[in-house]
Structure formats: C-alpha cells, structure tokens
Amino acid sequence: MAVIAALASPAAAQGDKPQYGGTLTVAFSSDTKTLDPTFSINFSERQPLYLIYNTLLALKPDFSVAPELAERWEILDNGQRVVLHLRKGVKFHDGTDFNAAAVKFNLDRRMDEKLNSPQRGQLKDIIDSVEVTDPYTATLKLKGASPSLLGMLAQREGFMVSPAAAEKYGKDLATNPVGTGPFIFKEWVPGNRLVVEKNPAYWEKGKPYLDRIVFSEITTTAVAIQRLLTGEADYASALSPIDVRQIENRKGIRLDPSAVGRWYALQWQVDKPPFNNLKLRQAIAHSIDRKRIVDIVMSGRAAISNGPTPAALWWADPALKPYDYDPAKAKALLAEAGHPNGIELSLATPQIALLQQVNQLVQEQLKPAGIAVKLDPVAQSDWYPRVVQLAINFTPMRWSHRPDPDGLMTLLFHSKGAGNSTRYSNPEVDSLIDRARAVTDQGERQKLYRKAQEIIMQDLPYVPLFFSLEFAAMRDDVKNHVWVADEIPRLRDLWKAKP
C-alpha cells in the first residue's frame, strides 16, 4: 500500500494528557438505515459503525494501512494469498471470542449470494476462499493480486460482527449491533438519536476515554451550527466553507479542515436514453460553470475537478482536459444530439443542503443551452440506495477516496464494478484497470490509471465538478480530533477536557 505523503490532518497537536469520562454529543445529519455493516450503504452509517465495531486493519491519516484486529499480515504467492495474524484475547460485546472462525464467518457472510450484501460483488471478485489456518490465523486465497484489498479490510468490508449475534438476530442485527469496538450499542431512535456507551472490556488498553457518545439527529447544517453555539452539541462534521462563516474565529469553537475533499460530480446511466448519447453528455458538461458553483457553494475555496482524483493523490492526472464553460458550444452539441428545440430532464435532488444548492445552480446553468431541468426531491436516506438500484438516473454524486486507486477506479469505472451505477463499460478501461491491479511498480500503475482516467473523462459517465473543502467543528474542550483522508469522522479516540 502506498503511503500518501502530506495528507496528515492539520488538527493541532494536543499534548495534554487524555482525561476520562463525559458525553460527546454529535450533531448528526443521518441517512442511517442499518447498523449491520454487512448491509451498510449510506455514508453516515459509518460514524457509529467505527465505534461499535473494529475492522481487521486500520487506516492512518495518510491512508497507509495499520494493524487493528489483525496485528500483522503477510502477502504471499505473488499477492494471491493474504495471511492475517489476529490479535488474541479480544471479545465481542456479547462475551464471545473474536478469532479466525469469526473472520471466515464475516467474509463468507458478505460473499453469500443468498444474503445479497452490497459488498458481495467487490469481495467476490477478489477473494476465492477464506480458511481458518489456526484459531488466530486466517488465510485469504485470492483470485489474483489485489492492491485494494488491505484498504477494504480497513473500511466497511472489514468490520467484524459477532457470529453468535448474527445467528441470534438475523435481519434484526441491523438494530442490535454487536462488535468488538470501544463502544457498545445502547439505543437508536430513528429521526431522533443514536447512543453508544463505553465498552469496559475493550481490548485496547486505556481506551476509550469518553463514557458515552450521543448522535443527535439534525435536519440541516444550520441547526448543527446553532447547537454548537448554544453548547447543545460538541461536534459536527461535513460543514462547508459557507456553513462555517459564522463560527470562524468564534471563541469556544475550533475548526478542523479536511485534508482531501470528497469528489462531487453529476452522473447518469450511459446505457439508457437520453444519456446514452455522448453529444448530450458533452452539451451538459459545457453548460456548467464549475467556477461559479465553487464560488457559491464552497466560498471559492475548493479545487475544481477535471477528473475523479485530487492532486494530492499519486494517481491523479494533471493533464486531464477540462470541459470549459461554453454555452454556445453546448447549444450546438445539443442540436447535434438530435434536440435542436431543447430537451427536458429530471435531476434527482436529495435532501442534502449542499447537493440541493448544486442542483439549483445546474438547473440555472443548463437553461441557456435549451436544457430544462426539473428538480425531483428524494429523501436523503433513500437517495443512494435508489441510485444503486438504478431507480435514479440523473443525479449529483459525491465519493470519498480509497487508500489505493484500485478501490474507487474499479468500483465506479470497471464494467463489473460493484458501484458502477452509471452502467459505464469500456473494454480498454477494463483492461487498463485489470493490468494496473497486477502491477507492483507505482510508476507503471500511475501511467495505466492516468490513461484510464483520460478515456473515462472523454466518455463522460460523470461530469466532474469539484473536490470539497469540509470542516469538522467542535467545542474547545473536545480533544484529539484527526481526519482520515476518506472524510469519515473517527470519534473513538476523542476525549473532553474537564473545566
């Protein structure tokens, strides 16, 4: 796994000795549908999941992979066998042992066709079998070398649930989660709050520091800001530069900007009318003034995107050509696409403030080219599941990055990618991604991924917009906050200073 230099969070170094106790209240805009990581799709679910569960491996702030439930690992047979040496003495919250049999159960469960986990496709493409070598050694036999696997085992695919609890609760594990993590699930009142409490038997000595974390659901980021100001909330994340204007330099509140922003883009299904017409896709791309969008929704402080990869990551391609804002060219392309009198399109609009703002600007900008856009509201909790089900065609999208390019590139752009909701298929791109997966030299992989991105941006399954600048905001007594480059807050190591 490549270490991405200079991505460490800019959070101030905190040399104070950690203090124990207290409750952290998180202002939380939730689309949570399940607390069973085997079936998790929505982004917000991962904040509580990282508290209730451990992953097999961990991610450092710079995206390098570190031990967690697996204290070390070996990659053998030219990358086709991964041996995980597991930590001993770890217990699930129900008192049962974490061991190699639990690892096999979890990975087999995800790959079980009958269960239909959303992670099945990606894991099944990589893993041939999981074997229990001994009680604390699990061996993963792979179908081929996979540089993305270690990063996956540090993310959603690597969360370990109690096999006994999964057998006991079945589908109800979604609301009765049992992991090995630093916090134990207490209650979940959808639309109101989700509560976890300190695990007194946690395996990581001296942790956690907090007694309790309460996720208090909010409807808008404006509510989060207000609760921070009144002291009703201690922490909020996913705040834009616009959101934080009123709390910048505010006494008692600290802001921590993310190091690498999520990728924002527009997507469509390229195999269905009307978006199976490249000229129409190009017309839309040339209709969009991305600088104006960034100026308005990111206060001009985010990087404009010409492709899916930000400049900080080694597989980024600085030579990608932009689709310049050119309404006249857009109108001509629309006519070439067979719509000289214009066209009306429906744009799914999830109830997420930033995406609503983006959509309103897209609606405004497409109009001069003759493209009338109808904004179709969709509930935040239903939005991405409906995209995956292909029930939504034209929509804004945002993606956090993965520790290796094989992760997101395969997920989104390979014809067999588990997250390929654009239905994009290009044999040359498939070949480049497959070849890059089997190569160990980073320079050679970089060339292959850059060529793939060049083709992808010519084919336009996505219209790139920008890489977000996002902030976590917290009360001054909240300590030890560190960003990981995937933009998912890890709250397990936070502590609160006592007055």
Protein backbone atom coordinates (compact mmCIF):
# COMPACT_ATOMS: atom_id res chain seq x y z
CA MET A 1 0.00 0.00 0.00
CA ALA A 2 1.40 3.37 -0.93
CA VAL A 3 1.83 5.95 1.77
CA ILE A 4 0.41 9.25 0.57
CA ALA A 5 2.70 11.90 1.97
CA ALA A 6 1.47 15.21 3.31
CA LEU A 7 -2.12 14.12 3.90
CA ALA A 8 -1.97 14.17 7.69
CA SER A 9 -4.77 16.18 9.26
CA PRO A 10 -3.94 19.78 10.15
CA ALA A 11 -5.53 19.31 13.57
CA ALA A 12 -3.41 21.00 16.18
CA ALA A 13 -1.11 18.74 18.15
CA GLN A 14 -2.60 18.14 21.54
CA GLY A 15 -0.01 17.28 24.15
CA ASP A 16 -2.41 17.32 27.07
CA LYS A 17 -2.87 14.08 28.92
CA PRO A 18 -6.18 12.43 27.96
CA GLN A 19 -8.91 12.70 30.53
CA TYR A 20 -11.62 10.15 31.14
CA GLY A 21 -15.37 10.49 31.30
CA GLY A 22 -18.08 12.65 29.84
CA THR A 23 -20.54 12.53 26.97
CA LEU A 24 -19.83 13.70 23.44
CA THR A 25 -22.93 15.00 21.65
CA VAL A 26 -22.64 14.88 17.87
CA ALA A 27 -24.95 16.96 15.67
CA PHE A 28 -25.65 14.32 13.08
CA SER A 29 -27.36 14.59 9.69
CA SER A 30 -28.32 10.96 9.32
CA ASP A 31 -29.31 8.72 6.46
CA THR A 32 -28.66 5.65 8.62
CA LYS A 33 -30.72 2.60 7.71
CA THR A 34 -28.75 -0.26 9.29
CA LEU A 35 -26.07 -0.87 11.91
CA ASP A 36 -25.18 -4.22 10.40
CA PRO A 37 -22.06 -3.38 8.36
CA THR A 38 -22.66 -6.34 6.06
CA PHE A 39 -25.55 -4.42 4.53
CA SER A 40 -24.36 -0.85 5.05
CA ILE A 41 -24.56 1.51 2.07
CA ASN A 42 -25.16 5.02 3.38
CA PHE A 43 -22.27 7.30 4.31
CA SER A 44 -23.49 8.42 7.73
CA GLU A 45 -23.77 4.83 8.98
CA ARG A 46 -20.02 4.55 9.21
CA GLN A 47 -19.64 7.05 12.05
CA PRO A 48 -21.42 4.80 14.58
CA LEU A 49 -20.05 1.65 12.90
CA TYR A 50 -16.46 2.71 13.66
CA LEU A 51 -17.46 2.98 17.33
CA ILE A 52 -19.37 -0.29 17.70
CA TYR A 53 -17.07 -2.40 15.54
CA ASN A 54 -13.40 -2.86 14.80
CA THR A 55 -12.06 -3.50 11.32
CA LEU A 56 -9.46 -6.14 10.53
CA LEU A 57 -7.00 -3.41 9.57
CA ALA A 58 -6.93 0.35 10.15
CA LEU A 59 -6.20 3.47 8.11
CA LYS A 60 -3.78 6.12 9.27
CA PRO A 61 -4.46 9.78 8.39
CA ASP A 62 -2.17 9.49 5.33
CA PHE A 63 -4.11 6.43 4.05
CA SER A 64 -1.37 3.96 4.95
CA VAL A 65 -2.63 0.67 6.40
CA ALA A 66 -2.03 -0.23 10.04
CA PRO A 67 -2.89 -3.14 12.35
CA GLU A 68 -6.22 -3.37 14.16
CA LEU A 69 -7.88 -6.74 14.84
CA ALA A 70 -5.15 -8.25 12.68
CA GLU A 71 -1.90 -7.33 14.44
CA ARG A 72 0.17 -8.21 11.36
CA TRP A 73 -0.25 -9.68 7.89
CA GLU A 74 1.73 -11.38 5.15
CA ILE A 75 1.26 -11.18 1.38
CA LEU A 76 2.46 -14.37 -0.28
CA ASP A 77 2.41 -16.19 -3.64
CA ASN A 78 2.80 -13.03 -5.73
CA GLY A 79 -0.09 -11.36 -3.98
CA GLN A 80 -2.52 -14.25 -4.28
CA ARG A 81 -2.52 -15.21 -0.60
CA VAL A 82 -3.01 -12.88 2.36
CA VAL A 83 -2.36 -14.29 5.82
CA LEU A 84 -3.89 -12.37 8.74
CA HIS A 85 -2.36 -12.93 12.17
CA LEU A 86 -5.08 -11.96 14.62
CA ARG A 87 -4.99 -10.29 18.00
CA LYS A 88 -5.66 -12.68 20.88
CA GLY A 89 -7.89 -12.04 23.87
CA VAL A 90 -10.42 -9.87 22.01
CA LYS A 91 -14.08 -10.35 22.95
CA PHE A 92 -17.26 -9.34 21.19
CA HIS A 93 -19.72 -7.32 23.28
CA ASP A 94 -21.74 -10.49 23.87
CA GLY A 95 -18.74 -12.16 25.52
CA THR A 96 -17.88 -14.50 22.63
CA ASP A 97 -14.34 -14.74 21.25
CA PHE A 98 -13.02 -12.95 18.22
CA ASN A 99 -10.90 -15.41 16.24
CA ALA A 100 -10.16 -16.73 12.77
CA ALA A 101 -13.51 -18.52 12.64
CA ALA A 102 -15.20 -15.12 13.14
CA VAL A 103 -13.17 -13.66 10.26
CA LYS A 104 -14.23 -16.50 7.98
CA PHE A 105 -17.85 -16.13 9.07
CA ASN A 106 -17.89 -12.40 8.35
CA LEU A 107 -16.24 -12.56 4.93
CA ASP A 108 -18.23 -15.64 3.86
CA ARG A 109 -21.42 -13.91 5.03
CA ARG A 110 -20.66 -10.89 2.86
CA MET A 111 -19.99 -13.12 -0.14
CA ASP A 112 -23.08 -15.30 0.37
CA GLU A 113 -25.23 -14.91 -2.72
CA LYS A 114 -28.42 -15.57 -0.73
CA LEU A 115 -27.77 -12.65 1.64
CA ASN A 116 -27.04 -10.23 -1.22
CA SER A 117 -24.71 -7.92 0.69
CA PRO A 118 -23.88 -4.75 -1.30
CA GLN A 119 -20.22 -5.62 -0.68
CA ARG A 120 -20.55 -9.08 -2.21
CA GLY A 121 -19.58 -8.21 -5.78
CA GLN A 122 -16.37 -6.42 -4.93
CA LEU A 123 -15.20 -9.05 -2.43
CA LYS A 124 -16.23 -11.97 -4.63
CA ASP A 125 -14.19 -10.55 -7.50
CA ILE A 126 -11.11 -10.64 -5.27
CA ILE A 127 -11.42 -13.48 -2.74
CA ASP A 128 -11.60 -17.11 -3.79
CA SER A 129 -11.84 -18.58 -0.27
CA VAL A 130 -11.21 -17.88 3.41
CA GLU A 131 -9.55 -20.56 5.52
CA VAL A 132 -9.00 -20.93 9.25
CA THR A 133 -5.31 -21.87 9.39
CA ASP A 134 -5.34 -21.97 13.17
CA PRO A 135 -7.55 -20.31 15.82
CA TYR A 136 -5.85 -16.94 15.35
CA THR A 137 -4.67 -17.10 11.74
CA ALA A 138 -6.98 -16.56 8.77
CA THR A 139 -5.76 -17.11 5.21
CA LEU A 140 -7.43 -15.35 2.29
CA LYS A 141 -6.83 -17.05 -1.04
CA LEU A 142 -7.30 -14.54 -3.84
CA LYS A 143 -8.24 -14.88 -7.49
CA GLY A 144 -5.39 -12.55 -8.36
CA ALA A 145 -3.27 -9.83 -6.84
CA SER A 146 -5.44 -7.07 -5.35
CA PRO A 147 -3.73 -3.92 -4.08
CA SER A 148 -7.06 -2.56 -2.87
CA LEU A 149 -7.89 -5.46 -0.52
CA LEU A 150 -5.93 -4.29 2.52
CA GLY A 151 -7.62 -0.89 2.35
CA MET A 152 -11.02 -2.57 2.03
CA LEU A 153 -10.33 -4.59 5.19
CA ALA A 154 -9.74 -1.27 6.98
CA GLN A 155 -13.09 0.08 5.82
CA ARG A 156 -16.68 -1.14 5.52
CA GLU A 157 -15.74 -4.61 4.25
CA GLY A 158 -13.53 -5.22 7.28
CA PHE A 159 -15.99 -4.59 10.13
CA MET A 160 -16.31 -7.75 12.25
CA VAL A 161 -19.70 -8.65 13.72
CA SER A 162 -20.30 -11.31 16.36
CA PRO A 163 -21.20 -14.58 14.59
CA ALA A 164 -23.30 -15.55 17.61
CA ALA A 165 -25.24 -12.27 17.43
CA ALA A 166 -25.71 -12.61 13.67
CA GLU A 167 -27.14 -16.09 14.17
CA LYS A 168 -29.33 -14.91 17.06
CA TYR A 169 -30.77 -11.76 15.50
CA GLY A 170 -30.67 -12.46 11.75
CA LYS A 171 -32.03 -9.42 9.92
CA ASP A 172 -32.63 -7.72 13.28
CA LEU A 173 -28.86 -7.36 13.72
CA ALA A 174 -29.49 -4.07 11.90
CA THR A 175 -30.91 -2.70 15.16
CA ASN A 176 -28.99 -4.93 17.59
CA PRO A 177 -25.36 -4.49 16.54
CA VAL A 178 -22.66 -6.47 18.36
CA GLY A 179 -18.99 -5.85 17.64
CA THR A 180 -15.65 -5.71 19.43
CA GLY A 181 -15.39 -1.91 19.31
CA PRO A 182 -14.67 0.65 22.03
CA PHE A 183 -18.37 1.47 22.44
CA ILE A 184 -21.41 -0.73 22.98
CA PHE A 185 -24.72 -0.02 21.28
CA LYS A 186 -27.32 1.35 23.70
CA GLU A 187 -30.28 2.69 21.70
CA TRP A 188 -31.37 4.02 18.35
CA VAL A 189 -34.48 6.14 17.88
CA PRO A 190 -34.57 6.85 14.12
CA GLY A 191 -35.04 10.53 13.42
CA ASN A 192 -34.00 11.44 16.97
CA ARG A 193 -30.84 9.94 18.45
CA LEU A 194 -28.39 7.05 18.43
CA VAL A 195 -26.47 6.28 21.63
CA VAL A 196 -23.36 4.18 22.33
CA GLU A 197 -21.65 3.68 25.69
CA LYS A 198 -18.11 2.84 26.78
CA ASN A 199 -17.01 -0.78 26.46
CA PRO A 200 -15.39 -1.51 29.86
CA ALA A 201 -13.75 -4.66 28.49
CA TYR A 202 -12.27 -3.05 25.36
CA TRP A 203 -9.08 -4.75 24.23
CA GLU A 204 -7.08 -1.57 23.52
CA LYS A 205 -5.59 -0.71 26.90
CA GLY A 206 -6.66 2.64 28.36
CA LYS A 207 -9.34 3.31 25.74
CA PRO A 208 -11.90 4.68 25.12
CA TYR A 209 -11.80 7.93 27.05
CA LEU A 210 -15.44 9.00 26.75
CA ASP A 211 -18.26 7.38 28.68
CA ARG A 212 -20.89 7.96 26.05
CA ILE A 213 -21.45 9.31 22.55
CA VAL A 214 -24.86 10.58 21.53
CA PHE A 215 -25.64 11.18 17.86
CA SER A 216 -28.39 13.81 17.91
CA GLU A 217 -30.15 13.99 14.57
CA ILE A 218 -30.46 17.34 12.81
CA THR A 219 -32.22 18.41 9.64
CA THR A 220 -29.73 20.98 8.34
CA THR A 221 -26.17 22.14 8.92
CA ALA A 222 -27.61 25.44 10.15
CA VAL A 223 -29.12 23.53 13.08
CA ALA A 224 -25.71 21.94 13.76
CA ILE A 225 -24.07 25.37 13.87
CA GLN A 226 -26.74 26.69 16.22
CA ARG A 227 -26.34 23.75 18.58
CA LEU A 228 -22.58 24.24 18.65
CA LEU A 229 -23.07 27.90 19.53
CA THR A 230 -25.50 27.11 22.35
CA GLY A 231 -23.42 24.22 23.68
CA GLU A 232 -26.14 21.64 22.93
CA ALA A 233 -23.69 19.86 20.63
CA ASP A 234 -19.96 19.25 21.00
CA TYR A 235 -19.13 18.19 17.45
CA ALA A 236 -20.36 18.40 13.86
CA SER A 237 -18.75 17.42 10.57
CA ALA A 238 -19.31 17.74 6.81
CA LEU A 239 -19.58 21.53 7.12
CA SER A 240 -18.83 23.63 4.04
CA PRO A 241 -16.92 26.93 3.93
CA ILE A 242 -20.31 28.66 3.72
CA ASP A 243 -21.58 26.78 6.79
CA VAL A 244 -18.66 27.79 9.00
CA ARG A 245 -18.62 31.51 8.21
CA GLN A 246 -20.50 32.42 11.38
CA ILE A 247 -18.28 30.31 13.65
CA GLU A 248 -14.84 31.07 12.20
CA ASN A 249 -12.76 32.73 14.90
CA ARG A 250 -15.62 32.26 17.35
CA LYS A 251 -14.37 31.84 20.92
CA GLY A 252 -15.02 28.39 22.30
CA ILE A 253 -15.23 26.64 18.91
CA ARG A 254 -12.41 25.08 16.91
CA LEU A 255 -12.49 24.23 13.20
CA ASP A 256 -10.52 21.41 11.60
CA PRO A 257 -10.46 21.38 7.77
CA SER A 258 -10.23 18.06 5.95
CA ALA A 259 -7.03 17.29 4.10
CA VAL A 260 -8.54 15.73 0.96
CA GLY A 261 -12.05 16.59 -0.17
CA ARG A 262 -14.76 14.33 -1.47
CA TRP A 263 -15.29 14.26 -5.23
CA TYR A 264 -18.53 15.94 -6.36
CA ALA A 265 -19.88 15.20 -9.82
CA LEU A 266 -23.02 14.63 -11.86
CA GLN A 267 -23.77 11.11 -13.03
CA TRP A 268 -26.21 9.32 -15.30
CA GLN A 269 -26.80 5.87 -16.76
CA VAL A 270 -24.91 5.89 -20.03
CA ASP A 271 -26.72 2.84 -21.40
CA LYS A 272 -30.21 4.39 -21.24
CA PRO A 273 -31.82 7.21 -23.25
CA PRO A 274 -31.31 10.07 -23.30
CA PHE A 275 -27.87 9.81 -21.67
CA ASN A 276 -26.61 7.08 -24.00
CA ASN A 277 -25.95 9.98 -26.38
CA LEU A 278 -22.38 11.29 -25.91
CA LYS A 279 -23.23 14.59 -27.61
CA LEU A 280 -25.92 15.24 -24.99
CA ARG A 281 -23.49 14.44 -22.18
CA GLN A 282 -20.94 16.81 -23.72
CA ALA A 283 -23.56 19.52 -24.11
CA ILE A 284 -24.35 19.31 -20.40
CA ALA A 285 -20.66 19.33 -19.46
CA HIS A 286 -20.04 22.50 -21.48
CA SER A 287 -23.14 24.15 -19.96
CA ILE A 288 -21.76 24.03 -16.43
CA ASP A 289 -19.76 26.88 -14.95
CA ARG A 290 -17.85 24.97 -12.27
CA LYS A 291 -16.02 28.04 -11.02
CA ARG A 292 -19.31 29.76 -10.29
CA ILE A 293 -20.53 26.64 -8.46
CA VAL A 294 -17.38 26.54 -6.33
CA ASP A 295 -17.60 30.28 -5.66
CA ILE A 296 -21.16 29.93 -4.39
CA VAL A 297 -21.27 26.58 -2.56
CA MET A 298 -17.62 26.42 -1.42
CA SER A 299 -16.95 30.15 -0.98
CA GLY A 300 -14.34 29.81 -3.75
CA ARG A 301 -12.11 27.68 -1.52
CA ALA A 302 -12.41 24.25 -3.15
CA ALA A 303 -10.48 22.81 -6.09
CA ILE A 304 -12.25 22.49 -9.44
CA SER A 305 -12.22 18.91 -10.71
CA ASN A 306 -11.30 17.73 -14.20
CA GLY A 307 -11.46 14.09 -13.14
CA PRO A 308 -12.10 11.81 -10.17
CA THR A 309 -8.73 12.14 -8.39
CA PRO A 310 -7.48 15.16 -6.41
CA ALA A 311 -3.95 16.40 -6.99
CA ALA A 312 -2.75 15.18 -3.57
CA LEU A 313 -3.06 11.52 -4.61
CA TRP A 314 -0.28 9.95 -6.66
CA TRP A 315 -2.57 8.55 -9.39
CA ALA A 316 -4.06 11.96 -10.23
CA ASP A 317 -3.65 13.09 -13.84
CA PRO A 318 -2.80 16.81 -14.06
CA ALA A 319 -3.05 16.66 -17.87
CA LEU A 320 -6.79 15.95 -17.96
CA LYS A 321 -8.53 18.49 -20.17
CA PRO A 322 -11.46 20.42 -18.70
CA TYR A 323 -14.87 20.80 -20.27
CA ASP A 324 -14.80 24.58 -20.48
CA TYR A 325 -17.91 26.58 -19.75
CA ASP A 326 -19.18 27.39 -23.25
CA PRO A 327 -22.98 27.86 -23.61
CA ALA A 328 -22.77 28.37 -27.39
CA LYS A 329 -20.86 25.11 -27.85
CA ALA A 330 -23.31 23.39 -25.52
CA LYS A 331 -26.26 24.56 -27.63
CA ALA A 332 -24.59 23.34 -30.82
CA LEU A 333 -23.84 19.95 -29.27
CA LEU A 334 -27.44 19.67 -28.09
CA ALA A 335 -28.61 20.17 -31.68
CA GLU A 336 -26.09 17.55 -32.88
CA ALA A 337 -27.52 15.22 -30.25
CA GLY A 338 -30.90 15.48 -32.00
CA HIS A 339 -32.52 18.09 -29.74
CA PRO A 340 -32.42 21.37 -31.71
CA ASN A 341 -35.51 22.58 -29.87
CA GLY A 342 -34.19 21.65 -26.45
CA ILE A 343 -34.86 18.84 -24.00
CA GLU A 344 -36.35 18.44 -20.53
CA LEU A 345 -34.54 16.35 -17.92
CA SER A 346 -35.29 15.28 -14.36
CA LEU A 347 -32.47 15.73 -11.85
CA ALA A 348 -32.80 13.81 -8.57
CA THR A 349 -32.38 16.19 -5.65
CA PRO A 350 -31.53 14.52 -2.34
CA GLN A 351 -32.49 16.45 0.77
CA ILE A 352 -28.88 17.41 1.49
CA ALA A 353 -28.34 21.16 1.57
CA LEU A 354 -25.10 21.23 -0.43
CA LEU A 355 -26.45 18.95 -3.15
CA GLN A 356 -29.65 20.99 -3.32
CA GLN A 357 -27.54 24.11 -3.90
CA VAL A 358 -25.50 22.36 -6.60
CA ASN A 359 -28.66 21.20 -8.36
CA GLN A 360 -30.22 24.66 -8.32
CA LEU A 361 -27.09 26.06 -9.98
CA VAL A 362 -27.02 23.24 -12.54
CA GLN A 363 -30.69 23.94 -13.33
CA GLU A 364 -29.89 27.61 -13.86
CA GLN A 365 -26.79 26.95 -15.98
CA LEU A 366 -28.32 24.37 -18.32
CA LYS A 367 -31.25 26.59 -19.27
CA PRO A 368 -29.39 28.87 -21.78
CA ALA A 369 -28.36 25.81 -23.80
CA GLY A 370 -32.00 24.74 -24.12
CA ILE A 371 -31.94 22.10 -21.37
CA ALA A 372 -34.87 22.47 -18.97
CA VAL A 373 -34.17 20.72 -15.68
CA LYS A 374 -36.89 19.58 -13.29
CA LEU A 375 -35.62 19.02 -9.73
CA ASP A 376 -37.08 15.83 -8.25
CA PRO A 377 -36.80 15.72 -4.44
CA VAL A 378 -35.73 12.44 -2.81
CA ALA A 379 -35.26 11.65 0.88
CA GLN A 380 -31.63 11.55 1.99
CA SER A 381 -31.98 8.02 3.39
CA ASP A 382 -33.46 6.71 0.12
CA TRP A 383 -31.21 8.55 -2.30
CA TYR A 384 -28.12 6.34 -2.65
CA PRO A 385 -29.98 3.02 -2.27
CA ARG A 386 -32.19 4.12 -5.18
CA VAL A 387 -29.11 5.08 -7.22
CA VAL A 388 -27.65 1.59 -6.62
CA GLN A 389 -30.98 0.02 -7.63
CA LEU A 390 -30.80 2.08 -10.87
CA ALA A 391 -34.11 3.71 -9.95
CA ILE A 392 -32.48 7.14 -10.27
CA ASN A 393 -30.80 8.16 -13.49
CA PHE A 394 -29.55 11.77 -13.44
CA THR A 395 -28.21 12.84 -10.04
CA PRO A 396 -25.42 14.66 -8.24
CA MET A 397 -22.96 12.33 -6.54
CA ARG A 398 -20.14 12.55 -4.02
CA TRP A 399 -17.43 9.99 -3.36
CA SER A 400 -14.77 9.75 -0.69
CA HIS A 401 -11.43 8.35 -1.78
CA ARG A 402 -9.86 4.95 -1.16
CA PRO A 403 -6.34 4.07 0.01
CA ASP A 404 -5.45 2.59 -3.39
CA PRO A 405 -6.67 3.63 -6.85
CA ASP A 406 -7.87 0.09 -7.50
CA GLY A 407 -10.59 0.79 -4.94
CA LEU A 408 -12.54 3.67 -6.45
CA MET A 409 -11.42 3.15 -10.06
CA THR A 410 -12.65 -0.45 -10.07
CA LEU A 411 -15.75 0.35 -8.03
CA LEU A 412 -17.00 3.11 -10.33
CA PHE A 413 -15.48 2.58 -13.76
CA HIS A 414 -14.84 -1.12 -14.34
CA SER A 415 -17.75 -2.70 -16.23
CA LYS A 416 -18.07 -5.23 -13.36
CA GLY A 417 -17.57 -2.65 -10.61
CA ALA A 418 -19.89 -3.11 -7.63
CA GLY A 419 -20.60 0.64 -7.51
CA ASN A 420 -20.88 1.17 -11.26
CA SER A 421 -24.32 2.78 -11.16
CA THR A 422 -23.63 4.67 -14.42
CA ARG A 423 -23.52 1.33 -16.28
CA TYR A 424 -20.29 2.51 -17.88
CA SER A 425 -18.46 -0.09 -19.94
CA ASN A 426 -15.31 0.40 -21.98
CA PRO A 427 -13.13 -2.68 -22.71
CA GLU A 428 -9.97 -0.56 -22.90
CA VAL A 429 -10.66 0.95 -19.46
CA ASP A 430 -11.36 -2.54 -18.06
CA SER A 431 -8.04 -3.73 -19.47
CA LEU A 432 -6.10 -0.78 -18.04
CA ILE A 433 -7.64 -1.25 -14.58
CA ASP A 434 -7.01 -5.01 -14.67
CA ARG A 435 -3.39 -4.51 -15.73
CA ALA A 436 -2.80 -1.85 -13.06
CA ARG A 437 -4.10 -4.25 -10.39
CA ALA A 438 -1.47 -6.83 -11.31
CA VAL A 439 1.50 -4.40 -11.40
CA THR A 440 3.59 -3.60 -8.32
CA ASP A 441 5.63 -0.69 -9.72
CA GLN A 442 3.91 2.57 -8.73
CA GLY A 443 5.24 4.49 -11.74
CA GLU A 444 3.79 1.94 -14.15
CA ARG A 445 0.49 1.84 -12.27
CA GLN A 446 0.34 5.64 -12.41
CA LYS A 447 0.65 5.57 -16.23
CA LEU A 448 -2.12 2.99 -16.53
CA TYR A 449 -4.52 4.85 -14.21
CA ARG A 450 -3.83 8.17 -15.90
CA LYS A 451 -4.61 6.66 -19.31
CA ALA A 452 -7.81 5.13 -17.90
CA GLN A 453 -8.90 8.48 -16.47
CA GLU A 454 -8.24 10.21 -19.80
CA ILE A 455 -10.57 7.78 -21.58
CA ILE A 456 -13.19 7.92 -18.82
CA MET A 457 -13.40 11.70 -18.97
CA GLN A 458 -13.77 11.56 -22.76
CA ASP A 459 -16.63 9.07 -22.35
CA LEU A 460 -18.26 11.15 -19.58
CA PRO A 461 -20.07 8.72 -17.30
CA TYR A 462 -19.64 11.55 -14.78
CA VAL A 463 -19.33 15.31 -15.19
CA PRO A 464 -16.65 16.31 -12.66
CA LEU A 465 -17.43 19.38 -10.55
CA PHE A 466 -15.09 19.92 -7.59
CA PHE A 467 -13.28 18.42 -4.61
CA SER A 468 -14.96 19.67 -1.48
CA LEU A 469 -13.41 21.53 1.40
CA GLU A 470 -15.13 20.21 4.50
CA PHE A 471 -14.75 21.09 8.15
CA ALA A 472 -15.30 19.43 11.47
CA ALA A 473 -16.34 21.93 14.11
CA MET A 474 -16.08 21.21 17.82
CA ARG A 475 -16.19 22.84 21.20
CA ASP A 476 -12.78 23.73 22.59
CA ASP A 477 -12.90 21.00 25.22
CA VAL A 478 -13.04 18.27 22.57
CA LYS A 479 -9.53 16.93 22.05
CA ASN A 480 -7.57 14.58 19.79
CA HIS A 481 -9.54 15.03 16.57
CA VAL A 482 -7.71 13.69 13.50
CA TRP A 483 -9.01 13.38 9.94
CA VAL A 484 -8.51 10.30 7.81
CA ALA A 485 -8.39 11.02 4.08
CA ASP A 486 -11.67 9.17 3.40
CA GLU A 487 -13.52 12.03 5.21
CA ILE A 488 -15.30 9.67 7.64
CA PRO A 489 -15.01 11.01 11.21
CA ARG A 490 -13.36 8.55 13.61
CA LEU A 491 -14.64 9.56 17.04
CA ARG A 492 -13.38 6.65 19.10
CA ASP A 493 -10.19 8.36 20.37
CA LEU A 494 -11.71 11.73 21.28
CA TRP A 495 -11.72 12.96 24.86
CA LYS A 496 -13.06 16.01 26.65
CA ALA A 497 -11.05 18.31 28.84
CA LYS A 498 -12.63 18.98 32.22
CA PRO A 499 -13.12 22.63 33.22
